[in-house]
PDB file of N, CA and C in Angstrom:
ATOM      1  N   MET A   1     206.804 340.407 181.658  1.00  0.00           N
ATOM      2  CA  MET A   1     208.191 340.821 181.659  1.00  0.00           C
ATOM      3  C   MET A   1     208.903 340.163 182.843  1.00  0.00           C
ATOM      4  N   LYS A   2     210.000 339.501 182.570  1.00  0.00           N
ATOM      5  CA  LYS A   2     210.780 338.863 183.617  1.00  0.00           C
ATOM      6  C   LYS A   2     211.858 339.822 184.098  1.00  0.00           C
ATOM      7  N   ILE A   3     211.991 339.896 185.397  1.00  0.00           N
ATOM      8  CA  ILE A   3     213.012 340.747 186.007  1.00  0.00           C
ATOM      9  C   ILE A   3     214.085 339.836 186.584  1.00  0.00           C
ATOM     10  N   PRO A   4     215.331 339.990 186.141  1.00  0.00           N
ATOM     11  CA  PRO A   4     216.386 339.130 186.683  1.00  0.00           C
ATOM     12  C   PRO A   4     216.624 339.429 188.164  1.00  0.00           C
ATOM     13  N   MET A   5     216.955 338.374 188.886  1.00  0.00           N
ATOM     14  CA  MET A   5     217.197 338.521 190.321  1.00  0.00           C
ATOM     15  C   MET A   5     218.539 337.892 190.652  1.00  0.00           C
ATOM     16  N   GLN A   6     219.301 338.565 191.446  1.00  0.00           N
ATOM     17  CA  GLN A   6     220.563 338.007 191.917  1.00  0.00           C
ATOM     18  C   GLN A   6     220.382 337.571 193.359  1.00  0.00           C
ATOM     19  N   ILE A   7     220.901 336.401 193.645  1.00  0.00           N
ATOM     20  CA  ILE A   7     220.808 335.857 194.998  1.00  0.00           C
ATOM     21  C   ILE A   7     222.217 335.608 195.505  1.00  0.00           C
ATOM     22  N   VAL A   8     222.495 336.105 196.696  1.00  0.00           N
ATOM     23  CA  VAL A   8     223.783 335.862 197.341  1.00  0.00           C
ATOM     24  C   VAL A   8     223.534 334.859 198.451  1.00  0.00           C
ATOM     25  N   MET A   9     224.292 333.776 198.411  1.00  0.00           N
ATOM     26  CA  MET A   9     224.091 332.743 199.402  1.00  0.00           C
ATOM     27  C   MET A   9     225.387 332.533 200.173  1.00  0.00           C
ATOM     28  N   LYS A  10     225.314 332.604 201.464  1.00  0.00           N
ATOM     29  CA  LYS A  10     226.480 332.351 202.319  1.00  0.00           C
ATOM     30  C   LYS A  10     226.246 331.014 203.004  1.00  0.00           C
ATOM     31  N   THR A  11     227.193 330.125 202.859  1.00  0.00           N
ATOM     32  CA  THR A  11     227.056 328.805 203.462  1.00  0.00           C
ATOM     33  C   THR A  11     227.998 328.686 204.660  1.00  0.00           C
ATOM     34  N   PRO A  12     227.662 327.820 205.603  1.00  0.00           N
ATOM     35  CA  PRO A  12     228.524 327.629 206.770  1.00  0.00           C
ATOM     36  C   PRO A  12     229.909 327.139 206.354  1.00  0.00           C
ATOM     37  N   GLN A  13     230.917 327.610 207.037  1.00  0.00           N
ATOM     38  CA  GLN A  13     232.300 327.261 206.710  1.00  0.00           C
ATOM     39  C   GLN A  13     232.802 326.063 207.503  1.00  0.00           C
ATOM     40  N   THR A  14     232.135 325.733 208.599  1.00  0.00           N
ATOM     41  CA  THR A  14     232.589 324.619 209.436  1.00  0.00           C
ATOM     42  C   THR A  14     231.669 323.419 209.277  1.00  0.00           C
ATOM     43  N   GLN A  15     232.198 322.252 209.616  1.00  0.00           N
ATOM     44  CA  GLN A  15     231.384 321.036 209.562  1.00  0.00           C
ATOM     45  C   GLN A  15     230.204 321.142 210.530  1.00  0.00           C
ATOM     46  N   ALA A  16     230.435 321.679 211.707  1.00  0.00           N
ATOM     47  CA  ALA A  16     229.351 321.835 212.687  1.00  0.00           C
ATOM     48  C   ALA A  16     228.274 322.768 212.139  1.00  0.00           C
ATOM     49  N   GLY A  17     228.690 323.823 211.479  1.00  0.00           N
ATOM     50  CA  GLY A  17     227.729 324.753 210.889  1.00  0.00           C
ATOM     51  C   GLY A  17     226.919 324.104 209.790  1.00  0.00           C
ATOM     52  N   ARG A  18     227.575 323.306 208.942  1.00  0.00           N
ATOM     53  CA  ARG A  18     226.863 322.607 207.867  1.00  0.00           C
ATOM     54  C   ARG A  18     225.871 321.602 208.439  1.00  0.00           C
ATOM     55  N   GLU A  19     226.261 320.914 209.499  1.00  0.00           N
ATOM     56  CA  GLU A  19     225.358 319.943 210.131  1.00  0.00           C
ATOM     57  C   GLU A  19     224.156 320.648 210.754  1.00  0.00           C
ATOM     58  N   ALA A  20     224.393 321.787 211.402  1.00  0.00           N
ATOM     59  CA  ALA A  20     223.289 322.548 211.999  1.00  0.00           C
ATOM     60  C   ALA A  20     222.332 323.033 210.915  1.00  0.00           C
ATOM     61  N   LEU A  21     222.872 323.521 209.813  1.00  0.00           N
ATOM     62  CA  LEU A  21     222.026 323.966 208.703  1.00  0.00           C
ATOM     63  C   LEU A  21     221.239 322.799 208.135  1.00  0.00           C
ATOM     64  N   SER A  22     221.878 321.662 208.008  1.00  0.00           N
ATOM     65  CA  SER A  22     221.201 320.476 207.490  1.00  0.00           C
ATOM     66  C   SER A  22     220.026 320.076 208.379  1.00  0.00           C
ATOM     67  N   ARG A  23     220.235 320.142 209.704  1.00  0.00           N
ATOM     68  CA  ARG A  23     219.143 319.805 210.641  1.00  0.00           C
ATOM     69  C   ARG A  23     217.993 320.798 210.514  1.00  0.00           C
ATOM     70  N   ARG A  24     218.316 322.072 210.361  1.00  0.00           N
ATOM     71  CA  ARG A  24     217.262 323.088 210.231  1.00  0.00           C
ATOM     72  C   ARG A  24     216.471 322.907 208.938  1.00  0.00           C
ATOM     73  N   VAL A  25     217.167 322.602 207.852  1.00  0.00           N
ATOM     74  CA  VAL A  25     216.492 322.372 206.572  1.00  0.00           C
ATOM     75  C   VAL A  25     215.596 321.139 206.682  1.00  0.00           C
ATOM     76  N   ALA A  26     216.102 320.084 207.314  1.00  0.00           N
ATOM     77  CA  ALA A  26     215.301 318.871 207.495  1.00  0.00           C
ATOM     78  C   ALA A  26     214.046 319.172 208.312  1.00  0.00           C
ATOM     79  N   GLY A  27     214.178 320.022 209.323  1.00  0.00           N
ATOM     80  CA  GLY A  27     213.012 320.402 210.127  1.00  0.00           C
ATOM     81  C   GLY A  27     211.965 321.151 209.312  1.00  0.00           C
ATOM     82  N   VAL A  28     212.419 322.029 208.436  1.00  0.00           N
ATOM     83  CA  VAL A  28     211.485 322.772 207.570  1.00  0.00           C
ATOM     84  C   VAL A  28     210.793 321.808 206.613  1.00  0.00           C
ATOM     85  N   HIS A  29     211.547 320.880 206.031  1.00  0.00           N
ATOM     86  CA  HIS A  29     210.948 319.896 205.134  1.00  0.00           C
ATOM     87  C   HIS A  29     209.908 319.050 205.868  1.00  0.00           C
ATOM     88  N   ALA A  30     210.246 318.605 207.059  1.00  0.00           N
ATOM     89  CA  ALA A  30     209.324 317.768 207.835  1.00  0.00           C
ATOM     90  C   ALA A  30     208.046 318.532 208.165  1.00  0.00           C
ATOM     91  N   ALA A  31     208.176 319.791 208.562  1.00  0.00           N
ATOM     92  CA  ALA A  31     207.001 320.606 208.878  1.00  0.00           C
ATOM     93  C   ALA A  31     206.127 320.784 207.645  1.00  0.00           C
ATOM     94  N   PHE A  32     206.751 320.997 206.489  1.00  0.00           N
ATOM     95  CA  PHE A  32     205.990 321.153 205.251  1.00  0.00           C
ATOM     96  C   PHE A  32     205.217 319.880 204.923  1.00  0.00           C
ATOM     97  N   ILE A  33     205.888 318.731 205.052  1.00  0.00           N
ATOM     98  CA  ILE A  33     205.228 317.457 204.762  1.00  0.00           C
ATOM     99  C   ILE A  33     204.051 317.233 205.703  1.00  0.00           C
ATOM    100  N   LEU A  34     204.257 317.487 206.997  1.00  0.00           N
ATOM    101  CA  LEU A  34     203.165 317.298 207.968  1.00  0.00           C
ATOM    102  C   LEU A  34     201.979 318.203 207.662  1.00  0.00           C
ATOM    103  N   GLU A  35     202.236 319.464 207.380  1.00  0.00           N
ATOM    104  CA  GLU A  35     201.152 320.400 207.087  1.00  0.00           C
ATOM    105  C   GLU A  35     200.430 320.019 205.803  1.00  0.00           C
ATOM    106  N   THR A  36     201.181 319.550 204.816  1.00  0.00           N
ATOM    107  CA  THR A  36     200.563 319.130 203.560  1.00  0.00           C
ATOM    108  C   THR A  36     199.664 317.928 203.776  1.00  0.00           C
ATOM    109  N   ILE A  37     200.144 316.954 204.528  1.00  0.00           N
ATOM    110  CA  ILE A  37     199.340 315.762 204.795  1.00  0.00           C
ATOM    111  C   ILE A  37     198.119 316.119 205.633  1.00  0.00           C
ATOM    112  N   ARG A  38     198.297 316.971 206.641  1.00  0.00           N
ATOM    113  CA  ARG A  38     197.158 317.385 207.466  1.00  0.00           C
ATOM    114  C   ARG A  38     196.077 318.072 206.636  1.00  0.00           C
ATOM    115  N   GLY A  39     196.471 318.777 205.595  1.00  0.00           N
ATOM    116  CA  GLY A  39     195.520 319.515 204.767  1.00  0.00           C
ATOM    117  C   GLY A  39     194.776 318.673 203.744  1.00  0.00           C
ATOM    118  N   LEU A  40     195.147 317.401 203.606  1.00  0.00           N
ATOM    119  CA  LEU A  40     194.477 316.544 202.635  1.00  0.00           C
ATOM    120  C   LEU A  40     193.055 316.222 203.076  1.00  0.00           C
ATOM    121  N   CYS A  41     192.195 316.029 202.108  1.00  0.00           N
ATOM    122  CA  CYS A  41     190.798 315.666 202.390  1.00  0.00           C
ATOM    123  C   CYS A  41     190.657 314.148 202.308  1.00  0.00           C
ATOM    124  N   CYS A  42     191.132 313.480 203.341  1.00  0.00           N
ATOM    125  CA  CYS A  42     191.018 312.034 203.416  1.00  0.00           C
ATOM    126  C   CYS A  42     190.984 311.642 204.893  1.00  0.00           C
ATOM    127  N   PRO A  43     190.574 310.406 205.182  1.00  0.00           N
ATOM    128  CA  PRO A  43     190.481 309.968 206.578  1.00  0.00           C
ATOM    129  C   PRO A  43     191.845 309.984 207.279  1.00  0.00           C
ATOM    130  N   ALA A  44     191.793 310.143 208.598  1.00  0.00           N
ATOM    131  CA  ALA A  44     193.024 310.198 209.401  1.00  0.00           C
ATOM    132  C   ALA A  44     193.861 308.938 209.230  1.00  0.00           C
ATOM    133  N   ALA A  45     193.233 307.790 209.110  1.00  0.00           N
ATOM    134  CA  ALA A  45     193.976 306.538 208.939  1.00  0.00           C
ATOM    135  C   ALA A  45     194.785 306.574 207.643  1.00  0.00           C
ATOM    136  N   GLN A  46     194.203 307.122 206.601  1.00  0.00           N
ATOM    137  CA  GLN A  46     194.906 307.215 205.328  1.00  0.00           C
ATOM    138  C   GLN A  46     196.073 308.206 205.436  1.00  0.00           C
ATOM    139  N   LYS A  47     195.878 309.276 206.191  1.00  0.00           N
ATOM    140  CA  LYS A  47     196.955 310.249 206.400  1.00  0.00           C
ATOM    141  C   LYS A  47     198.116 309.601 207.151  1.00  0.00           C
ATOM    142  N   ARG A  48     197.803 308.782 208.159  1.00  0.00           N
ATOM    143  CA  ARG A  48     198.855 308.089 208.899  1.00  0.00           C
ATOM    144  C   ARG A  48     199.624 307.135 207.990  1.00  0.00           C
ATOM    145  N   GLU A  49     198.902 306.423 207.126  1.00  0.00           N
ATOM    146  CA  GLU A  49     199.556 305.509 206.196  1.00  0.00           C
ATOM    147  C   GLU A  49     200.480 306.275 205.246  1.00  0.00           C
ATOM    148  N   LEU A  50     200.027 307.408 204.764  1.00  0.00           N
ATOM    149  CA  LEU A  50     200.831 308.219 203.864  1.00  0.00           C
ATOM    150  C   LEU A  50     202.081 308.728 204.575  1.00  0.00           C
ATOM    151  N   LEU A  51     201.917 309.224 205.800  1.00  0.00           N
ATOM    152  CA  LEU A  51     203.065 309.703 206.560  1.00  0.00           C
ATOM    153  C   LEU A  51     204.064 308.579 206.801  1.00  0.00           C
ATOM    154  N   GLN A  52     203.573 307.386 207.135  1.00  0.00           N
ATOM    155  CA  GLN A  52     204.467 306.246 207.354  1.00  0.00           C
ATOM    156  C   GLN A  52     205.196 305.883 206.065  1.00  0.00           C
ATOM    157  N   ALA A  53     204.511 305.970 204.928  1.00  0.00           N
ATOM    158  CA  ALA A  53     205.150 305.686 203.640  1.00  0.00           C
ATOM    159  C   ALA A  53     206.263 306.695 203.357  1.00  0.00           C
ATOM    160  N   VAL A  54     206.033 307.956 203.694  1.00  0.00           N
ATOM    161  CA  VAL A  54     207.065 308.984 203.509  1.00  0.00           C
ATOM    162  C   VAL A  54     208.265 308.670 204.404  1.00  0.00           C
ATOM    163  N   ILE A  55     208.001 308.347 205.662  1.00  0.00           N
ATOM    164  CA  ILE A  55     209.084 308.030 206.606  1.00  0.00           C
ATOM    165  C   ILE A  55     209.882 306.826 206.107  1.00  0.00           C
ATOM    166  N   ASP A  56     209.187 305.775 205.671  1.00  0.00           N
ATOM    167  CA  ASP A  56     209.866 304.572 205.191  1.00  0.00           C
ATOM    168  C   ASP A  56     210.709 304.879 203.955  1.00  0.00           C
ATOM    169  N   THR A  57     210.180 305.707 203.068  1.00  0.00           N
ATOM    170  CA  THR A  57     210.911 306.073 201.852  1.00  0.00           C
ATOM    171  C   THR A  57     212.165 306.859 202.196  1.00  0.00           C
ATOM    172  N   VAL A  58     212.042 307.815 203.102  1.00  0.00           N
ATOM    173  CA  VAL A  58     213.193 308.643 203.471  1.00  0.00           C
ATOM    174  C   VAL A  58     214.251 307.800 204.164  1.00  0.00           C
ATOM    175  N   LYS A  59     213.842 306.922 205.053  1.00  0.00           N
ATOM    176  CA  LYS A  59     214.812 306.071 205.745  1.00  0.00           C
ATOM    177  C   LYS A  59     215.524 305.146 204.769  1.00  0.00           C
ATOM    178  N   GLY A  60     214.812 304.671 203.759  1.00  0.00           N
ATOM    179  CA  GLY A  60     215.424 303.792 202.765  1.00  0.00           C
ATOM    180  C   GLY A  60     216.358 304.539 201.836  1.00  0.00           C
ATOM    181  N   ALA A  61     216.107 305.833 201.627  1.00  0.00           N
ATOM    182  CA  ALA A  61     216.912 306.622 200.699  1.00  0.00           C
ATOM    183  C   ALA A  61     218.086 307.304 201.382  1.00  0.00           C
ATOM    184  N   ALA A  62     218.054 307.366 202.689  1.00  0.00           N
ATOM    185  CA  ALA A  62     219.107 308.082 203.423  1.00  0.00           C
ATOM    186  C   ALA A  62     220.402 307.295 203.370  1.00  0.00           C
ATOM    187  N   PRO A  63     221.516 307.990 203.147  1.00  0.00           N
ATOM    188  CA  PRO A  63     222.801 307.283 203.172  1.00  0.00           C
ATOM    189  C   PRO A  63     223.108 306.797 204.582  1.00  0.00           C
ATOM    190  N   PRO A  64     223.839 305.699 204.724  1.00  0.00           N
ATOM    191  CA  PRO A  64     224.153 305.211 206.069  1.00  0.00           C
ATOM    192  C   PRO A  64     224.946 306.246 206.854  1.00  0.00           C
ATOM    193  N   GLN A  65     224.645 306.345 208.128  1.00  0.00           N
ATOM    194  CA  GLN A  65     225.326 307.302 209.006  1.00  0.00           C
ATOM    195  C   GLN A  65     226.724 306.789 209.325  1.00  0.00           C
ATOM    196  N   LYS A  66     227.704 307.676 209.258  1.00  0.00           N
ATOM    197  CA  LYS A  66     229.070 307.326 209.627  1.00  0.00           C
ATOM    198  C   LYS A  66     229.236 307.563 211.127  1.00  0.00           C
ATOM    199  N   PRO A  67     229.922 306.662 211.818  1.00  0.00           N
ATOM    200  CA  PRO A  67     230.178 306.914 213.243  1.00  0.00           C
ATOM    201  C   PRO A  67     231.052 308.146 213.387  1.00  0.00           C
ATOM    202  N   GLU A  68     230.811 308.899 214.447  1.00  0.00           N
ATOM    203  CA  GLU A  68     231.589 310.124 214.669  1.00  0.00           C
ATOM    204  C   GLU A  68     233.020 309.775 215.058  1.00  0.00           C
ATOM    205  N   ASP A  69     233.936 310.572 214.546  1.00  0.00           N
ATOM    206  CA  ASP A  69     235.356 310.407 214.860  1.00  0.00           C
ATOM    207  C   ASP A  69     235.630 311.126 216.176  1.00  0.00           C
ATOM    208  N   PRO A  70     236.065 310.426 217.228  1.00  0.00           N
ATOM    209  CA  PRO A  70     236.291 311.076 218.526  1.00  0.00           C
ATOM    210  C   PRO A  70     237.319 312.196 218.447  1.00  0.00           C
ATOM    211  N   LYS A  71     238.228 312.147 217.465  1.00  0.00           N
ATOM    212  CA  LYS A  71     239.237 313.199 217.330  1.00  0.00           C
ATOM    213  C   LYS A  71     238.627 314.517 216.872  1.00  0.00           C
ATOM    214  N   ASN A  72     237.468 314.432 216.165  1.00  0.00           N
ATOM    215  CA  ASN A  72     236.836 315.648 215.638  1.00  0.00           C
ATOM    216  C   ASN A  72     235.751 316.180 216.554  1.00  0.00           C
ATOM    217  N   GLY A  73     235.556 315.560 217.688  1.00  0.00           N
ATOM    218  CA  GLY A  73     234.647 316.077 218.686  1.00  0.00           C
ATOM    219  C   GLY A  73     233.257 315.796 218.424  1.00  0.00           C
TER     220      GLY A  73
END
């Protein structure tokens, strides 16, 4: 039997708040990836290669950073 669940989500209203939330989410994702790789049953060298592949993939997929506007602080 499935029980319906309602979720209320409050998101940050300011750009600074959204950026802070984004950094926190990225930190959780990074910690999950590290723990997952650490838990694999393979040699440390292979784990390092896998981690580097993840880093390279993320850097290649990330949108280019926009320079900060000095007027917006």
